[in-house]
């Protein structure tokens, strides 16, 4: 599983990264978590508002910091 966090590295992006890592730990799952800060690459995903979350090349969240529970639900789907 590959998870991408798209954003500039702001506080919201950091929070989403932490919540994603906590969700993975809670579920006992491993994934490659990649932080994407290049605006051209972010735009290539069709994202205009960050942070955004991409799971296995599927854009699942844009413009908000998901809670640990919300990330767990997305990972379990």
C-alpha atoms as a PDB file:
ATOM      1  CA  UNK A   1       0.000   0.000   0.000  1.00  0.00           C
ATOM      2  CA  UNK A   2       1.241   3.449  -0.918  1.00  0.00           C
ATOM      3  CA  UNK A   3      -0.164   6.500   0.822  1.00  0.00           C
ATOM      4  CA  UNK A   4       0.626  10.014  -0.370  1.00  0.00           C
ATOM      5  CA  UNK A   5       0.144  13.140   1.716  1.00  0.00           C
ATOM      6  CA  UNK A   6      -0.113  16.114  -0.629  1.00  0.00           C
ATOM      7  CA  UNK A   7       0.677  19.535   0.781  1.00  0.00           C
ATOM      8  CA  UNK A   8       3.210  22.260   1.379  1.00  0.00           C
ATOM      9  CA  UNK A   9       4.390  20.903   4.724  1.00  0.00           C
ATOM     10  CA  UNK A  10       2.123  23.191   6.741  1.00  0.00           C
ATOM     11  CA  UNK A  11       0.719  22.382  10.174  1.00  0.00           C
ATOM     12  CA  UNK A  12      -2.399  20.783   8.655  1.00  0.00           C
ATOM     13  CA  UNK A  13      -0.281  18.588   6.396  1.00  0.00           C
ATOM     14  CA  UNK A  14       1.831  17.480   9.348  1.00  0.00           C
ATOM     15  CA  UNK A  15      -1.313  16.683  11.359  1.00  0.00           C
ATOM     16  CA  UNK A  16      -2.719  14.588   8.500  1.00  0.00           C
ATOM     17  CA  UNK A  17       0.572  12.694   8.270  1.00  0.00           C
ATOM     18  CA  UNK A  18       0.579  12.009  12.021  1.00  0.00           C
ATOM     19  CA  UNK A  19      -3.068  10.893  11.978  1.00  0.00           C
ATOM     20  CA  UNK A  20      -2.399   8.596   9.017  1.00  0.00           C
ATOM     21  CA  UNK A  21       0.580   6.994  10.754  1.00  0.00           C
ATOM     22  CA  UNK A  22      -1.481   6.552  13.948  1.00  0.00           C
ATOM     23  CA  UNK A  23      -4.302   4.919  11.966  1.00  0.00           C
ATOM     24  CA  UNK A  24      -1.857   2.504  10.351  1.00  0.00           C
ATOM     25  CA  UNK A  25      -0.418   1.624  13.768  1.00  0.00           C
ATOM     26  CA  UNK A  26      -3.904   1.128  15.266  1.00  0.00           C
ATOM     27  CA  UNK A  27      -4.831  -1.228  12.434  1.00  0.00           C
ATOM     28  CA  UNK A  28      -1.502  -3.052  12.602  1.00  0.00           C
ATOM     29  CA  UNK A  29      -0.873  -2.311   8.938  1.00  0.00           C
ATOM     30  CA  UNK A  30       2.194  -1.131   7.126  1.00  0.00           C
ATOM     31  CA  UNK A  31       2.324   1.222   4.187  1.00  0.00           C
ATOM     32  CA  UNK A  32       4.781   3.418   2.410  1.00  0.00           C
ATOM     33  CA  UNK A  33       3.862   7.004   3.384  1.00  0.00           C
ATOM     34  CA  UNK A  34       5.152   9.591   0.930  1.00  0.00           C
ATOM     35  CA  UNK A  35       4.966  13.341   1.479  1.00  0.00           C
ATOM     36  CA  UNK A  36       4.478  15.245  -1.772  1.00  0.00           C
ATOM     37  CA  UNK A  37       5.334  18.954  -1.559  1.00  0.00           C
ATOM     38  CA  UNK A  38       5.944  19.698  -5.248  1.00  0.00           C
ATOM     39  CA  UNK A  39       3.042  21.874  -6.414  1.00  0.00           C
ATOM     40  CA  UNK A  40       3.214  20.551  -9.988  1.00  0.00           C
ATOM     41  CA  UNK A  41       2.815  16.987  -8.731  1.00  0.00           C
ATOM     42  CA  UNK A  42       0.018  18.041  -6.354  1.00  0.00           C
ATOM     43  CA  UNK A  43      -1.796  19.757  -9.235  1.00  0.00           C
ATOM     44  CA  UNK A  44      -1.294  16.652 -11.392  1.00  0.00           C
ATOM     45  CA  UNK A  45      -3.563  14.835  -8.920  1.00  0.00           C
ATOM     46  CA  UNK A  46      -6.206  17.513  -9.541  1.00  0.00           C
ATOM     47  CA  UNK A  47      -5.747  18.947  -6.053  1.00  0.00           C
ATOM     48  CA  UNK A  48      -6.178  22.683  -5.555  1.00  0.00           C
ATOM     49  CA  UNK A  49      -6.672  22.639  -1.771  1.00  0.00           C
ATOM     50  CA  UNK A  50      -4.339  20.914   0.668  1.00  0.00           C
ATOM     51  CA  UNK A  51      -3.824  18.769   2.592  1.00  0.00           C
ATOM     52  CA  UNK A  52      -4.933  15.868   0.442  1.00  0.00           C
ATOM     53  CA  UNK A  53      -4.712  12.118   0.944  1.00  0.00           C
ATOM     54  CA  UNK A  54      -4.103   9.568  -1.807  1.00  0.00           C
ATOM     55  CA  UNK A  55      -4.312   5.837  -1.093  1.00  0.00           C
ATOM     56  CA  UNK A  56      -2.974   3.544  -3.828  1.00  0.00           C
ATOM     57  CA  UNK A  57      -3.340   6.312  -6.445  1.00  0.00           C
ATOM     58  CA  UNK A  58      -6.964   7.034  -5.433  1.00  0.00           C
ATOM     59  CA  UNK A  59      -7.647  10.560  -4.159  1.00  0.00           C
ATOM     60  CA  UNK A  60      -9.757  10.083  -1.004  1.00  0.00           C
ATOM     61  CA  UNK A  61      -9.638  13.455   0.772  1.00  0.00           C
ATOM     62  CA  UNK A  62      -8.977  17.070  -0.180  1.00  0.00           C
ATOM     63  CA  UNK A  63      -8.712  20.214   1.907  1.00  0.00           C
ATOM     64  CA  UNK A  64      -9.195  18.840   5.398  1.00  0.00           C
ATOM     65  CA  UNK A  65      -7.321  17.139   8.203  1.00  0.00           C
ATOM     66  CA  UNK A  66      -8.879  13.725   8.678  1.00  0.00           C
ATOM     67  CA  UNK A  67      -9.099  12.303  12.180  1.00  0.00           C
ATOM     68  CA  UNK A  68      -7.414   9.015  13.031  1.00  0.00           C
ATOM     69  CA  UNK A  69     -10.848   7.323  12.935  1.00  0.00           C
ATOM     70  CA  UNK A  70     -11.622   8.740   9.493  1.00  0.00           C
ATOM     71  CA  UNK A  71      -8.297   7.516   8.112  1.00  0.00           C
ATOM     72  CA  UNK A  72      -8.877   4.069   9.643  1.00  0.00           C
ATOM     73  CA  UNK A  73     -12.238   3.833   7.859  1.00  0.00           C
ATOM     74  CA  UNK A  74     -10.627   4.742   4.529  1.00  0.00           C
ATOM     75  CA  UNK A  75      -7.848   2.209   5.043  1.00  0.00           C
ATOM     76  CA  UNK A  76     -10.345  -0.516   5.932  1.00  0.00           C
ATOM     77  CA  UNK A  77     -12.591   0.123   2.930  1.00  0.00           C
END
